[in-house]
Structure formats: structure tokens, C-alpha cells
């Protein structure tokens, strides 16, 4: 077996080296142009300052409030419930006409008595149907 050593002329060798280098450079250029960079992070938003929350008229003092969250059986206590459910009960509409004073006594506006009587009549007429009772109560005061 005879091996032939093939000699590549120097000019050709330089030409092939230059072409190879250009191909590698072109590949890097194309790869750099098509690379996807992540978007810059969004600018931080300034903190939102909320206005102070005022207590509802039913609880002018944090030390005194209604004993219950819902309904018409109102009384004042020095330790009112801290958390109430979002449910609605007949009579809740009338609670806006009552409050606890600084001495933790129940105070009712003149509208409370008529609203309470109307709401109680709605419960009687509805005969256990909470939707009918609520619809009726909408007509009270």
C-alpha cells in the first residue's frame, strides 16, 4: 500500500483558511443577530397610598360596637366581633339607623323603629323565603 502525500500549494492553503475564517465569522454574526434577549424588567411602580379608612357610623369607637354582625337584635358591647361574614340578613338595611355611643349604649334614629317594623313584616309575609323577604325589605325606608 502506497500512500501518496498530497501537498496542497501554499496559496490554496491560505485561501482555504481565509474562506473557513469568513464562514466562522459569518456564523457568529448570524447567531448574534438572531439571538433573543429577554426584555428589560419593568420599572418599579411606586407604592399606593390608600386614604385612611373611617369606621362606619354604627361603631364610632373602636372599643364599643354591636354584639352581632347581622340582623335586628342590636345591643352594644365593649368587645364587638372582629370579623363578620359577607352574608346578608333581613334587617341589615336598618342597622344604618342605629349606633353605639361613647358610653357603649345603643342609640337609634327615628327611622330605625319604622324600618325594623317593616323588615319584620317582610319576614312574616315571606314565610321562610329569604329572597322574597329581601325583595320586600328593599321597599322599607
C-alpha atoms as a PDB file:
ATOM      1  CA  UNK A   1       0.000   0.000   0.000  1.00  0.00           C
ATOM      2  CA  UNK A   2       1.422   3.238  -1.111  1.00  0.00           C
ATOM      3  CA  UNK A   3       0.384   6.441   0.459  1.00  0.00           C
ATOM      4  CA  UNK A   4       0.500   9.488  -1.522  1.00  0.00           C
ATOM      5  CA  UNK A   5       1.242  12.595   0.308  1.00  0.00           C
ATOM      6  CA  UNK A   6      -0.716  15.163  -1.364  1.00  0.00           C
ATOM      7  CA  UNK A   7       0.740  18.560  -0.971  1.00  0.00           C
ATOM      8  CA  UNK A   8      -1.590  21.499  -1.122  1.00  0.00           C
ATOM      9  CA  UNK A   9       0.031  24.541  -2.592  1.00  0.00           C
ATOM     10  CA  UNK A  10       0.576  27.375  -0.088  1.00  0.00           C
ATOM     11  CA  UNK A  11      -1.736  29.801  -1.884  1.00  0.00           C
ATOM     12  CA  UNK A  12      -4.530  27.318  -1.844  1.00  0.00           C
ATOM     13  CA  UNK A  13      -3.947  26.609   1.839  1.00  0.00           C
ATOM     14  CA  UNK A  14      -4.162  30.311   2.671  1.00  0.00           C
ATOM     15  CA  UNK A  15      -7.283  30.693   0.539  1.00  0.00           C
ATOM     16  CA  UNK A  16      -8.987  27.771   2.292  1.00  0.00           C
ATOM     17  CA  UNK A  17      -8.023  29.205   5.707  1.00  0.00           C
ATOM     18  CA  UNK A  18      -9.448  32.614   4.807  1.00  0.00           C
ATOM     19  CA  UNK A  19     -12.697  31.072   3.491  1.00  0.00           C
ATOM     20  CA  UNK A  20     -13.006  28.975   6.672  1.00  0.00           C
ATOM     21  CA  UNK A  21     -12.428  32.020   8.878  1.00  0.00           C
ATOM     22  CA  UNK A  22     -15.025  34.002   6.938  1.00  0.00           C
ATOM     23  CA  UNK A  23     -17.548  31.169   7.315  1.00  0.00           C
ATOM     24  CA  UNK A  24     -16.980  31.029  11.083  1.00  0.00           C
ATOM     25  CA  UNK A  25     -17.278  34.828  11.347  1.00  0.00           C
ATOM     26  CA  UNK A  26     -20.494  34.768   9.312  1.00  0.00           C
ATOM     27  CA  UNK A  27     -21.950  32.072  11.594  1.00  0.00           C
ATOM     28  CA  UNK A  28     -21.163  34.145  14.690  1.00  0.00           C
ATOM     29  CA  UNK A  29     -22.697  37.244  13.106  1.00  0.00           C
ATOM     30  CA  UNK A  30     -25.899  35.416  12.162  1.00  0.00           C
ATOM     31  CA  UNK A  31     -26.145  33.790  15.595  1.00  0.00           C
ATOM     32  CA  UNK A  32     -25.723  37.184  17.275  1.00  0.00           C
ATOM     33  CA  UNK A  33     -28.404  38.793  15.125  1.00  0.00           C
ATOM     34  CA  UNK A  34     -30.971  36.103  15.778  1.00  0.00           C
ATOM     35  CA  UNK A  35     -30.328  35.619  19.488  1.00  0.00           C
ATOM     36  CA  UNK A  36     -33.334  36.607  21.554  1.00  0.00           C
ATOM     37  CA  UNK A  37     -32.597  38.721  24.552  1.00  0.00           C
ATOM     38  CA  UNK A  38     -35.085  38.893  27.452  1.00  0.00           C
ATOM     39  CA  UNK A  39     -36.954  42.196  27.740  1.00  0.00           C
ATOM     40  CA  UNK A  40     -35.706  44.576  30.397  1.00  0.00           C
ATOM     41  CA  UNK A  41     -37.516  44.283  33.730  1.00  0.00           C
ATOM     42  CA  UNK A  42     -40.442  46.674  34.144  1.00  0.00           C
ATOM     43  CA  UNK A  43     -39.833  49.852  36.059  1.00  0.00           C
ATOM     44  CA  UNK A  44     -40.870  49.518  39.690  1.00  0.00           C
ATOM     45  CA  UNK A  45     -44.253  51.005  40.451  1.00  0.00           C
ATOM     46  CA  UNK A  46     -44.471  53.456  43.306  1.00  0.00           C
ATOM     47  CA  UNK A  47     -46.326  52.210  46.396  1.00  0.00           C
ATOM     48  CA  UNK A  48     -50.012  53.057  46.513  1.00  0.00           C
ATOM     49  CA  UNK A  49     -51.066  55.161  49.455  1.00  0.00           C
ATOM     50  CA  UNK A  50     -54.637  54.445  50.477  1.00  0.00           C
ATOM     51  CA  UNK A  51     -56.723  57.036  52.285  1.00  0.00           C
ATOM     52  CA  UNK A  52     -57.411  56.304  55.932  1.00  0.00           C
ATOM     53  CA  UNK A  53     -60.437  54.101  56.488  1.00  0.00           C
ATOM     54  CA  UNK A  54     -63.101  55.606  58.692  1.00  0.00           C
ATOM     55  CA  UNK A  55     -65.255  53.394  60.853  1.00  0.00           C
ATOM     56  CA  UNK A  56     -68.943  53.130  59.936  1.00  0.00           C
ATOM     57  CA  UNK A  57     -71.438  55.194  61.931  1.00  0.00           C
ATOM     58  CA  UNK A  58     -72.508  52.055  63.810  1.00  0.00           C
ATOM     59  CA  UNK A  59     -69.115  51.849  65.530  1.00  0.00           C
ATOM     60  CA  UNK A  60     -67.801  55.335  66.319  1.00  0.00           C
ATOM     61  CA  UNK A  61     -65.450  53.951  68.941  1.00  0.00           C
ATOM     62  CA  UNK A  62     -63.120  51.010  68.389  1.00  0.00           C
ATOM     63  CA  UNK A  63     -63.812  49.924  71.973  1.00  0.00           C
ATOM     64  CA  UNK A  64     -67.571  49.601  71.511  1.00  0.00           C
ATOM     65  CA  UNK A  65     -69.779  48.097  68.804  1.00  0.00           C
ATOM     66  CA  UNK A  66     -72.750  45.867  68.076  1.00  0.00           C
ATOM     67  CA  UNK A  67     -72.711  42.404  69.644  1.00  0.00           C
ATOM     68  CA  UNK A  68     -73.715  40.824  66.320  1.00  0.00           C
ATOM     69  CA  UNK A  69     -72.812  41.416  62.699  1.00  0.00           C
ATOM     70  CA  UNK A  70     -76.275  40.925  61.185  1.00  0.00           C
ATOM     71  CA  UNK A  71     -79.955  41.208  61.937  1.00  0.00           C
ATOM     72  CA  UNK A  72     -82.167  43.383  64.101  1.00  0.00           C
ATOM     73  CA  UNK A  73     -81.251  42.144  67.580  1.00  0.00           C
ATOM     74  CA  UNK A  74     -78.992  45.051  68.430  1.00  0.00           C
ATOM     75  CA  UNK A  75     -77.010  45.611  71.586  1.00  0.00           C
ATOM     76  CA  UNK A  76     -73.662  47.266  72.278  1.00  0.00           C
ATOM     77  CA  UNK A  77     -70.575  45.648  73.755  1.00  0.00           C
ATOM     78  CA  UNK A  78     -67.039  46.661  74.610  1.00  0.00           C
ATOM     79  CA  UNK A  79     -65.750  43.663  72.629  1.00  0.00           C
ATOM     80  CA  UNK A  80     -67.560  43.576  69.264  1.00  0.00           C
ATOM     81  CA  UNK A  81     -66.813  40.840  66.707  1.00  0.00           C
ATOM     82  CA  UNK A  82     -63.537  41.404  64.862  1.00  0.00           C
ATOM     83  CA  UNK A  83     -64.648  39.555  61.704  1.00  0.00           C
ATOM     84  CA  UNK A  84     -68.086  39.317  60.098  1.00  0.00           C
ATOM     85  CA  UNK A  85     -69.371  37.199  57.229  1.00  0.00           C
ATOM     86  CA  UNK A  86     -70.462  38.724  53.925  1.00  0.00           C
ATOM     87  CA  UNK A  87     -73.946  37.221  54.166  1.00  0.00           C
ATOM     88  CA  UNK A  88     -76.985  39.477  54.210  1.00  0.00           C
ATOM     89  CA  UNK A  89     -79.826  39.045  56.652  1.00  0.00           C
ATOM     90  CA  UNK A  90     -83.182  40.758  56.705  1.00  0.00           C
ATOM     91  CA  UNK A  91     -82.831  43.798  58.907  1.00  0.00           C
ATOM     92  CA  UNK A  92     -79.240  44.582  57.952  1.00  0.00           C
ATOM     93  CA  UNK A  93     -80.536  47.570  55.990  1.00  0.00           C
ATOM     94  CA  UNK A  94     -81.980  49.072  59.184  1.00  0.00           C
ATOM     95  CA  UNK A  95     -78.691  48.888  61.092  1.00  0.00           C
ATOM     96  CA  UNK A  96     -77.577  52.151  59.490  1.00  0.00           C
ATOM     97  CA  UNK A  97     -80.150  53.896  61.708  1.00  0.00           C
ATOM     98  CA  UNK A  98     -78.516  52.631  64.928  1.00  0.00           C
ATOM     99  CA  UNK A  99     -75.127  53.076  66.588  1.00  0.00           C
ATOM    100  CA  UNK A 100     -73.279  52.672  69.854  1.00  0.00           C
ATOM    101  CA  UNK A 101     -72.399  55.894  71.662  1.00  0.00           C
ATOM    102  CA  UNK A 102     -69.227  56.672  73.612  1.00  0.00           C
ATOM    103  CA  UNK A 103     -70.786  55.158  76.738  1.00  0.00           C
ATOM    104  CA  UNK A 104     -71.391  51.898  74.817  1.00  0.00           C
ATOM    105  CA  UNK A 105     -75.143  52.359  74.835  1.00  0.00           C
ATOM    106  CA  UNK A 106     -77.426  51.667  71.884  1.00  0.00           C
ATOM    107  CA  UNK A 107     -78.714  54.808  70.164  1.00  0.00           C
ATOM    108  CA  UNK A 108     -81.344  54.572  67.425  1.00  0.00           C
ATOM    109  CA  UNK A 109     -82.512  57.219  64.988  1.00  0.00           C
ATOM    110  CA  UNK A 110     -86.279  57.762  64.490  1.00  0.00           C
ATOM    111  CA  UNK A 111     -86.135  55.818  61.192  1.00  0.00           C
ATOM    112  CA  UNK A 112     -84.887  52.651  62.958  1.00  0.00           C
ATOM    113  CA  UNK A 113     -88.221  51.726  64.558  1.00  0.00           C
ATOM    114  CA  UNK A 114     -90.224  52.014  61.322  1.00  0.00           C
ATOM    115  CA  UNK A 115     -87.506  50.220  59.301  1.00  0.00           C
ATOM    116  CA  UNK A 116     -87.359  47.403  61.873  1.00  0.00           C
ATOM    117  CA  UNK A 117     -91.158  47.000  61.884  1.00  0.00           C
ATOM    118  CA  UNK A 118     -91.217  46.917  58.071  1.00  0.00           C
ATOM    119  CA  UNK A 119     -88.400  44.334  57.902  1.00  0.00           C
ATOM    120  CA  UNK A 120     -90.137  42.120  60.477  1.00  0.00           C
ATOM    121  CA  UNK A 121     -93.373  42.282  58.458  1.00  0.00           C
ATOM    122  CA  UNK A 122     -91.412  41.258  55.357  1.00  0.00           C
ATOM    123  CA  UNK A 123     -90.106  38.169  57.182  1.00  0.00           C
ATOM    124  CA  UNK A 124     -93.640  37.217  58.212  1.00  0.00           C
ATOM    125  CA  UNK A 125     -95.042  37.739  54.694  1.00  0.00           C
ATOM    126  CA  UNK A 126     -92.171  35.826  53.070  1.00  0.00           C
ATOM    127  CA  UNK A 127     -92.883  32.749  55.201  1.00  0.00           C
ATOM    128  CA  UNK A 128     -89.326  31.451  55.201  1.00  0.00           C
ATOM    129  CA  UNK A 129     -88.399  32.533  51.675  1.00  0.00           C
ATOM    130  CA  UNK A 130     -85.223  34.645  52.166  1.00  0.00           C
ATOM    131  CA  UNK A 131     -85.295  36.038  48.615  1.00  0.00           C
ATOM    132  CA  UNK A 132     -88.894  37.234  48.973  1.00  0.00           C
ATOM    133  CA  UNK A 133     -88.050  38.736  52.378  1.00  0.00           C
ATOM    134  CA  UNK A 134     -85.023  40.583  50.964  1.00  0.00           C
ATOM    135  CA  UNK A 135     -87.021  41.868  47.974  1.00  0.00           C
ATOM    136  CA  UNK A 136     -89.731  43.109  50.328  1.00  0.00           C
ATOM    137  CA  UNK A 137     -87.197  44.762  52.641  1.00  0.00           C
ATOM    138  CA  UNK A 138     -85.880  46.829  49.728  1.00  0.00           C
ATOM    139  CA  UNK A 139     -89.154  48.792  49.953  1.00  0.00           C
ATOM    140  CA  UNK A 140     -88.585  49.618  53.641  1.00  0.00           C
ATOM    141  CA  UNK A 141     -87.370  53.186  54.313  1.00  0.00           C
END
